[in-house]
Amino acid sequence: MNYKILGIESSCDETAAAVYDSEKKLLSNELFSQIDLHKEFGGVIPEIASRSHLEKIVPIVESALNKAGVALDEIDAVAVTTKPGLPGSLSVGTSFAKAIAWSAGKKIIGINHLEGHVFSACIENDIPFPFLALTVSGGHSSMYLVKGLGDFELVATTIDDAAGEAFDKVAKMMNLPYPGGPVIEKLAATVGFEDFFSYPRGKKKLHFSFSGLKTAVLYDLVKQGAYDLKTKQFLKDDDQELKAKVSSSLLVCMGDVFKQKIKLALAEHPEVKALSFVGGVACNQYLRDVLSNFCKGRKIECYYPSRRLCTDNAGMIAFVGHYKALQNKFSDFDISIL
């Protein structure tokens, strides 16, 4: 059966809408990013995020339908992110999706944001099952064993800070702009992605932990006289070489941690045929290259979404909504963000 799905995503600081068609695949994927609204705060402010979603959701949905060349009447179902995320942000998207679906007489499908990321690389790639999905962003660092569309289980998760969060916090320590990941990668490239400070890789266990890594960077900066714990100030703002070496060491350490965890997961699941690296941190080219080379050595395939599908987006929500529709897994209109 041919389905046209309108996807809506508003879990954090991106207002997004997309249309996915069974035959023509992803027809549109529109997004408004709030990065400029949150930059001065060094992170996402929930109240600002919610207000921005209220302002942008109507024009973004209209744009997605127009770009796809599809009228709302032609849509078969509305898929919307219901969890996890910021409550205010999720409420805007979920309420809007329920309203337009109800008014247009369409079905609705509640989507877990993380399931969207897990299957985001499947939109453009034919990934063999079973595969491992390494999902890494500012809010999540997890690994899943994926056996089929909608059939997956959690293998590892973070017990404290997520990887993207560690990037942001280390960047903030050194007075670098938000978000930290792209800036850290650019600085690391200037010194050749070398490991200057040998930050700890953590315990050789499946679950992720980046709080200790963040603290290790902090106290190493203190030791070098570059950070004052009392005033919480970076004291060597003009030392671009130090910033670059810290960024490089952090990035190399992160790559080693990912390889370590994947190696452990593969030992437990030798049937795995491929790895997908997804989420906002998967935009990082250095980490893509590290994991690609690691997979070659293990003789498994390595896949990534295009960068527009790595960060929070509605394309992945529409895609998951599409296969749920094919599986007749629709939601009731009493779906909530709880």
Protein backbone atom coordinates (compact mmCIF):
# COMPACT_ATOMS: atom_id res chain seq x y z
CA MET A 1 0.00 0.00 0.00
CA ASN A 2 1.19 3.51 -0.81
CA TYR A 3 1.28 5.91 2.13
CA LYS A 4 2.07 9.60 2.32
CA ILE A 5 3.17 10.62 5.80
CA LEU A 6 3.56 14.11 7.22
CA GLY A 7 6.22 14.07 9.95
CA ILE A 8 6.56 16.71 12.67
CA GLU A 9 9.52 17.07 15.03
CA SER A 10 9.82 19.57 17.91
CA SER A 11 11.58 17.68 20.69
CA CYS A 12 14.22 20.31 21.47
CA ASP A 13 15.39 23.36 19.52
CA GLU A 14 14.52 22.51 15.92
CA THR A 15 11.09 23.00 14.42
CA ALA A 16 10.81 20.52 11.56
CA ALA A 17 8.33 18.98 9.14
CA ALA A 18 8.73 16.48 6.30
CA VAL A 19 6.74 14.38 3.84
CA TYR A 20 7.61 10.75 3.09
CA ASP A 21 6.01 8.77 0.26
CA SER A 22 6.10 4.97 -0.05
CA GLU A 23 7.11 5.10 -3.71
CA LYS A 24 8.92 8.44 -4.06
CA LYS A 25 10.62 8.31 -0.63
CA LEU A 26 11.51 11.58 1.13
CA LEU A 27 9.79 14.41 -0.70
CA SER A 28 10.64 17.26 1.66
CA ASN A 29 12.47 17.88 4.91
CA GLU A 30 12.09 21.43 6.21
CA LEU A 31 13.69 22.76 9.38
CA PHE A 32 14.11 25.92 11.42
CA SER A 33 17.10 25.77 13.76
CA GLN A 34 17.09 27.84 16.95
CA ILE A 35 20.89 27.82 17.42
CA ASP A 36 21.16 31.60 17.06
CA LEU A 37 18.48 32.05 19.74
CA HIS A 38 20.40 30.00 22.31
CA LYS A 39 24.04 30.84 21.47
CA GLU A 40 24.44 33.57 24.07
CA PHE A 41 23.34 31.17 26.83
CA GLY A 42 25.69 28.34 25.85
CA GLY A 43 22.81 25.87 25.69
CA VAL A 44 19.09 25.47 25.05
CA ILE A 45 16.69 27.56 27.16
CA PRO A 46 13.39 25.59 27.28
CA GLU A 47 11.07 28.60 27.46
CA ILE A 48 12.71 30.27 24.45
CA ALA A 49 12.55 26.96 22.55
CA SER A 50 8.82 26.53 23.22
CA ARG A 51 7.96 30.06 22.11
CA SER A 52 9.97 29.66 18.92
CA HIS A 53 8.16 26.41 18.08
CA LEU A 54 4.83 28.22 18.47
CA GLU A 55 5.98 30.88 16.02
CA LYS A 56 7.49 28.56 13.42
CA ILE A 57 5.46 25.37 13.32
CA VAL A 58 2.72 26.59 10.96
CA PRO A 59 5.06 28.03 8.28
CA ILE A 60 7.40 25.02 8.54
CA VAL A 61 4.57 22.52 8.00
CA GLU A 62 3.21 24.61 5.12
CA SER A 63 6.68 24.72 3.58
CA ALA A 64 7.11 20.94 3.88
CA LEU A 65 3.78 20.29 2.13
CA ASN A 66 4.54 22.86 -0.59
CA LYS A 67 8.04 21.52 -1.26
CA ALA A 68 6.62 18.00 -1.53
CA GLY A 69 3.88 19.18 -3.86
CA VAL A 70 1.33 17.50 -1.60
CA ALA A 71 -1.88 18.92 -0.16
CA LEU A 72 -2.92 18.10 3.40
CA ASP A 73 -5.91 16.19 1.98
CA GLU A 74 -3.48 13.84 0.22
CA ILE A 75 -1.68 12.95 3.45
CA ASP A 76 -2.66 9.57 4.91
CA ALA A 77 -1.32 10.08 8.44
CA VAL A 78 0.56 12.53 10.64
CA ALA A 79 3.59 11.21 12.52
CA VAL A 80 4.83 13.30 15.43
CA THR A 81 7.58 13.07 18.02
CA THR A 82 6.00 12.55 21.44
CA LYS A 83 9.10 11.68 23.52
CA PRO A 84 11.76 12.13 24.78
CA GLY A 85 12.55 15.82 24.80
CA LEU A 86 11.72 19.16 26.41
CA PRO A 87 8.11 19.04 27.66
CA GLY A 88 7.19 22.47 26.33
CA SER A 89 8.70 21.82 22.92
CA LEU A 90 7.09 18.39 22.61
CA SER A 91 3.71 19.81 23.62
CA VAL A 92 3.74 22.29 20.75
CA GLY A 93 4.45 19.66 18.10
CA THR A 94 2.14 17.01 19.53
CA SER A 95 -0.78 19.40 20.03
CA PHE A 96 -0.41 20.82 16.53
CA ALA A 97 -0.17 17.36 14.95
CA LYS A 98 -3.27 16.15 16.76
CA ALA A 99 -5.19 19.25 15.74
CA ILE A 100 -4.45 19.08 12.02
CA ALA A 101 -4.86 15.30 11.88
CA TRP A 102 -8.24 15.51 13.64
CA SER A 103 -9.47 18.43 11.52
CA ALA A 104 -8.39 16.74 8.27
CA GLY A 105 -9.72 13.32 9.26
CA LYS A 106 -6.26 11.71 9.16
CA LYS A 107 -4.69 9.06 11.36
CA ILE A 108 -1.95 9.91 13.82
CA ILE A 109 1.23 8.08 14.84
CA GLY A 110 3.24 8.92 17.95
CA ILE A 111 6.99 8.47 17.41
CA ASN A 112 9.84 8.07 19.87
CA HIS A 113 12.52 10.57 18.84
CA LEU A 114 15.28 8.01 19.45
CA GLU A 115 13.64 5.50 17.11
CA GLY A 116 13.79 8.21 14.48
CA HIS A 117 17.54 8.50 14.92
CA VAL A 118 18.06 4.72 15.03
CA PHE A 119 16.52 4.33 11.56
CA SER A 120 17.65 7.65 10.05
CA ALA A 121 20.48 6.01 8.07
CA CYS A 122 17.93 3.61 6.50
CA ILE A 123 16.26 6.45 4.60
CA GLU A 124 19.11 6.68 2.09
CA ASN A 125 20.83 3.31 2.59
CA ASP A 126 19.84 -0.34 2.30
CA ILE A 127 21.44 -1.51 5.56
CA PRO A 128 21.56 -5.28 6.14
CA PHE A 129 19.98 -6.58 9.33
CA PRO A 130 21.02 -7.08 12.02
CA PHE A 131 23.13 -3.97 12.54
CA LEU A 132 24.37 -1.86 15.43
CA ALA A 133 23.14 1.72 15.58
CA LEU A 134 25.44 4.10 17.46
CA THR A 135 23.22 7.07 18.30
CA VAL A 136 25.17 10.10 19.53
CA SER A 137 23.90 13.63 20.13
CA GLY A 138 23.83 16.39 22.71
CA GLY A 139 21.24 14.55 24.76
CA HIS A 140 21.89 10.89 24.01
CA SER A 141 24.72 8.39 23.63
CA SER A 142 23.31 4.93 23.03
CA MET A 143 23.84 1.78 21.00
CA TYR A 144 21.08 -0.46 19.68
CA LEU A 145 20.91 -3.90 18.11
CA VAL A 146 18.59 -3.44 15.14
CA LYS A 147 16.94 -6.62 13.82
CA GLY A 148 14.37 -5.09 11.48
CA LEU A 149 12.21 -2.03 10.90
CA GLY A 150 10.80 -1.19 14.32
CA ASP A 151 12.54 -4.20 15.85
CA PHE A 152 15.47 -3.05 17.97
CA GLU A 153 16.81 -3.31 21.50
CA LEU A 154 19.04 -1.16 23.66
CA VAL A 155 22.57 -2.52 24.03
CA ALA A 156 24.27 0.40 25.79
CA THR A 157 23.37 3.87 27.02
CA THR A 158 25.02 6.73 28.88
CA ILE A 159 25.03 6.71 32.67
CA ASP A 160 25.72 10.46 32.88
CA ASP A 161 26.68 13.06 30.25
CA ALA A 162 26.10 12.41 26.55
CA ALA A 163 28.98 12.82 24.10
CA GLY A 164 27.54 15.95 22.49
CA GLU A 165 26.99 17.43 25.93
CA ALA A 166 30.67 16.82 26.75
CA PHE A 167 31.66 18.68 23.58
CA ASP A 168 29.45 21.63 24.53
CA LYS A 169 30.72 21.80 28.12
CA VAL A 170 34.39 21.58 27.17
CA ALA A 171 33.82 24.26 24.53
CA LYS A 172 32.21 26.47 27.17
CA MET A 173 35.23 25.98 29.45
CA MET A 174 37.43 27.48 26.74
CA ASN A 175 35.02 30.31 25.80
CA LEU A 176 34.21 28.67 22.48
CA PRO A 177 30.79 29.24 20.88
CA TYR A 178 27.76 26.95 21.15
CA PRO A 179 27.29 24.32 19.84
CA GLY A 180 30.74 23.02 20.70
CA GLY A 181 31.08 20.01 18.39
CA PRO A 182 31.68 21.79 15.05
CA VAL A 183 34.10 24.30 16.60
CA ILE A 184 36.08 21.57 18.34
CA GLU A 185 36.41 19.62 15.10
CA LYS A 186 37.69 22.70 13.22
CA LEU A 187 40.27 23.46 15.91
CA ALA A 188 41.39 19.83 16.10
CA ALA A 189 41.98 19.79 12.35
CA THR A 190 44.53 22.61 12.67
CA VAL A 191 46.83 20.35 14.74
CA GLY A 192 46.23 17.15 12.81
CA PHE A 193 43.90 15.21 15.13
CA GLU A 194 46.67 14.12 17.49
CA ASP A 195 46.38 13.01 21.12
CA PHE A 196 48.35 15.57 23.13
CA PHE A 197 46.97 15.08 26.64
CA SER A 198 45.89 11.42 26.81
CA TYR A 199 42.54 11.94 28.49
CA PRO A 200 41.08 8.81 30.19
CA ARG A 201 39.07 6.42 28.03
CA GLY A 202 36.95 5.14 30.90
CA LYS A 203 36.13 1.62 31.96
CA LYS A 204 35.98 -1.20 29.44
CA LYS A 205 32.25 -1.71 29.85
CA LEU A 206 29.42 -1.33 27.37
CA HIS A 207 27.68 1.70 28.88
CA PHE A 208 28.91 5.19 28.05
CA SER A 209 30.18 7.72 30.60
CA PHE A 210 31.50 11.13 29.57
CA SER A 211 31.24 13.02 32.85
CA GLY A 212 34.67 11.77 33.90
CA LEU A 213 36.19 12.81 30.59
CA LYS A 214 34.75 16.31 30.93
CA THR A 215 36.15 16.56 34.49
CA ALA A 216 39.55 15.27 33.36
CA VAL A 217 39.73 18.04 30.75
CA LEU A 218 38.75 20.62 33.37
CA TYR A 219 41.43 19.60 35.87
CA ASP A 220 44.06 19.30 33.16
CA LEU A 221 43.31 22.91 32.20
CA VAL A 222 43.60 23.89 35.87
CA LYS A 223 46.95 22.06 36.09
CA GLN A 224 48.19 23.98 33.06
CA GLY A 225 47.15 27.28 34.64
CA ALA A 226 44.52 27.81 31.98
CA TYR A 227 41.37 27.65 34.13
CA ASP A 228 40.46 29.20 37.49
CA LEU A 229 38.06 27.04 39.48
CA LYS A 230 37.06 29.85 41.83
CA THR A 231 36.05 32.34 39.16
CA LYS A 232 35.19 29.66 36.59
CA GLN A 233 37.14 31.54 33.96
CA PHE A 234 39.37 30.40 31.13
CA LEU A 235 42.65 32.27 31.58
CA LYS A 236 44.29 31.71 28.20
CA ASP A 237 41.71 32.98 25.77
CA ASP A 238 44.40 34.09 23.31
CA ASP A 239 46.15 30.71 23.30
CA GLN A 240 44.67 29.19 20.14
CA GLU A 241 47.25 26.40 20.17
CA LEU A 242 46.12 25.21 23.59
CA LYS A 243 42.47 25.30 22.50
CA ALA A 244 43.34 23.30 19.41
CA LYS A 245 45.34 20.69 21.33
CA VAL A 246 42.57 20.23 23.91
CA SER A 247 40.01 19.91 21.10
CA SER A 248 42.16 17.40 19.25
CA SER A 249 42.84 15.29 22.34
CA LEU A 250 39.16 15.30 23.25
CA LEU A 251 38.11 14.22 19.76
CA VAL A 252 40.70 11.43 19.53
CA CYS A 253 39.64 10.19 22.97
CA MET A 254 35.99 10.20 21.92
CA GLY A 255 36.80 8.15 18.84
CA ASP A 256 38.70 5.62 20.95
CA VAL A 257 35.79 5.32 23.37
CA PHE A 258 33.35 4.63 20.53
CA LYS A 259 35.63 1.96 19.06
CA GLN A 260 36.01 0.35 22.49
CA LYS A 261 32.24 0.15 23.04
CA ILE A 262 31.52 -1.15 19.54
CA LYS A 263 34.19 -3.82 19.95
CA LEU A 264 32.52 -5.01 23.16
CA ALA A 265 29.08 -5.02 21.49
CA LEU A 266 30.36 -7.00 18.51
CA ALA A 267 31.84 -9.59 20.86
CA GLU A 268 28.38 -10.10 22.37
CA HIS A 269 26.61 -9.97 18.99
CA PRO A 270 28.81 -11.64 16.35
CA GLU A 271 25.81 -11.88 14.00
CA VAL A 272 25.97 -8.11 13.34
CA LYS A 273 26.55 -7.23 9.66
CA ALA A 274 26.90 -3.47 9.81
CA LEU A 275 27.20 -0.34 11.93
CA SER A 276 25.26 2.89 11.53
CA PHE A 277 26.54 6.09 13.13
CA VAL A 278 23.64 8.52 13.64
CA GLY A 279 22.62 11.61 15.61
CA GLY A 280 24.01 15.14 15.64
CA VAL A 281 27.56 14.06 16.53
CA ALA A 282 27.58 11.87 13.39
CA CYS A 283 28.08 15.09 11.42
CA ASN A 284 31.69 14.97 12.63
CA GLN A 285 33.85 13.87 9.69
CA TYR A 286 36.79 12.82 11.86
CA LEU A 287 34.60 10.41 13.84
CA ARG A 288 33.01 9.13 10.62
CA ASP A 289 36.46 8.31 9.26
CA VAL A 290 37.56 6.67 12.52
CA LEU A 291 34.51 4.40 12.64
CA SER A 292 34.66 3.65 8.93
CA ASN A 293 38.26 2.47 9.24
CA PHE A 294 37.39 0.47 12.35
CA CYS A 295 34.57 -1.29 10.49
CA LYS A 296 36.82 -2.09 7.55
CA GLY A 297 39.17 -3.83 9.96
CA ARG A 298 36.22 -5.82 11.30
CA LYS A 299 34.92 -6.55 7.79
CA ILE A 300 31.51 -5.02 8.40
CA GLU A 301 29.83 -2.17 6.56
CA CYS A 302 29.59 1.33 8.04
CA TYR A 303 26.70 3.68 7.22
CA TYR A 304 25.79 7.30 8.03
CA PRO A 305 22.84 9.50 7.20
CA SER A 306 23.48 12.63 5.16
CA ARG A 307 24.17 15.53 7.51
CA ARG A 308 20.65 16.96 7.15
CA LEU A 309 19.36 13.68 8.60
CA CYS A 310 21.89 13.52 11.46
CA THR A 311 20.65 16.46 13.50
CA ASP A 312 17.06 16.54 14.77
CA ASN A 313 14.79 16.50 11.74
CA ALA A 314 11.32 15.45 10.65
CA GLY A 315 12.49 13.27 7.76
CA MET A 316 13.38 10.48 10.16
CA ILE A 317 10.06 10.91 11.98
CA ALA A 318 8.11 10.66 8.72
CA PHE A 319 10.14 7.58 7.72
CA VAL A 320 9.41 5.76 10.99
CA GLY A 321 5.78 6.84 10.70
CA HIS A 322 5.73 5.35 7.22
CA TYR A 323 6.81 1.86 8.23
CA LYS A 324 4.55 1.97 11.27
CA ALA A 325 1.65 2.76 8.94
CA LEU A 326 2.60 -0.23 6.77
CA GLN A 327 2.55 -2.32 9.96
CA ASN A 328 -0.86 -0.83 10.89
CA LYS A 329 0.60 0.66 14.09
CA PHE A 330 -1.41 3.83 14.40
CA SER A 331 -1.93 5.74 17.64
CA ASP A 332 -5.02 6.96 19.44
CA PHE A 333 -5.68 10.67 19.67
CA ASP A 334 -5.06 10.58 23.42
CA ILE A 335 -1.29 10.20 22.86
CA SER A 336 0.68 12.45 25.16
CA ILE A 337 4.28 13.44 25.86
CA LEU A 338 4.29 11.57 29.18
